[in-house]
Amino acid sequence: MTNKTMTLHDAVARLIRSGDQMAIGGFTTSRKPLAVIGEILRQGQTEFIAQGGPAGSDWDMLIGAGRVKAYINCYTANPRFSNVSRRFRAAIEEGRILFEDYSQDAAMMSFHGASLGLPYVPVKMMLGSGMEKEWGIPEEIRRTIDKLPNQKYIIQENPFQPGEKLLLMPTPRIDVAILHVQMASPDGTCRILGDPYQDVDLAFASERTIVTCDELVANEEIRRSPELNTIPGICVDAVVHLPYGGHPSQVYDCYDYDKEFYLAYDRAGKTEESFCEWLKEWVYDLPDHRAYLNKLGATRLIDLKVTTGFGYHVSTETIVGEVAAP
């Protein structure tokens, strides 16, 4: 059996390169591979062509640190904590980033098309909307960037239904995908509990895939229940055992999101100066993920552990109250 386990440092150093078209799994504040983001920032890879999908502080951190050349996205926020991620918004308002906007359903369709090896997907969403009529990245600029299609889309008549229009949306050619899962084995087999979001498509679509996991189990163990597995090992290039590798996001059935951490991140993002101070404290001054966890502290992490039967953290008072209720 192939052993694909690596340290976080080695996985990022070997598989993530400046200029990559990169995609990140998870959804806003759920199952985001944020420990990998920190390591990328420490190592210095930059000039990414970003396939944002439903993003949160993952791409917001990379944008704020000046590591993104072009951003293709449908949504960037930490719901409940920031309606629109602050460093992303500042970059758009100040004209410091190339940005193209797609609807979320269209973005998910493009990822699925990429996983099937299709050059484009025909969709109806976005037709008649501002996303059809307004381009964030003009064609003349697109032609200067190898990893971007020359056009945002092409509108064409449905060959099977004359008179019906279709929007032909190009699929991304993803160099590297970064995912965080609850469980993986050394050969790369992954088990995602709860909603897989776009992660399976990203694993199939990308040239290289890094997976971090909260629990590393033997190949034989993960095969005992093959019907529960989500991503086959053939799609994965590196497996990094990284407990709390999704913090501060929530990882279903493992730990809840860290509300106070997200609130602090939102405050820090209000200005360039405070954001740089936050990055220094929580990324650059820490040598690795272990140091990050030590800085957070055991009690804080224990308090995020999910309550069995709920899938998220619930206080003792809430549990007792529900049990006592008629």
Foldseek 3Di string as FASTA:
>chain_A
DAFFADALLVCCVPQPAAAFAEEWFDAAQEFTLQQNLLSCVQVPRAQYAYLYQREEVSVLLCLLSHRYAEYEYAAYYNPPQGRHQQSVVVCVVVVVHQYAYDHNVLSLVLLLCLLVVHQWDWDDPPVPHVSVVDGSQALVRQVVRVQHDSDQWDWDADPVDGPDIITIGGHGQGAEYEGEAAEAERLQWGFHPDDRRSVQSNLSNYPAYEYEHCYYDHPVVCVVCVVRIDHDSVSHNHYYDARCSSPQGARFQFFHHQVVVSNQCRVQSNDSVSNVVVCVVQRNVAPHNVSNDVVCPDVSRVQGGPDPPPRTHDDPVVVVVVVPDD
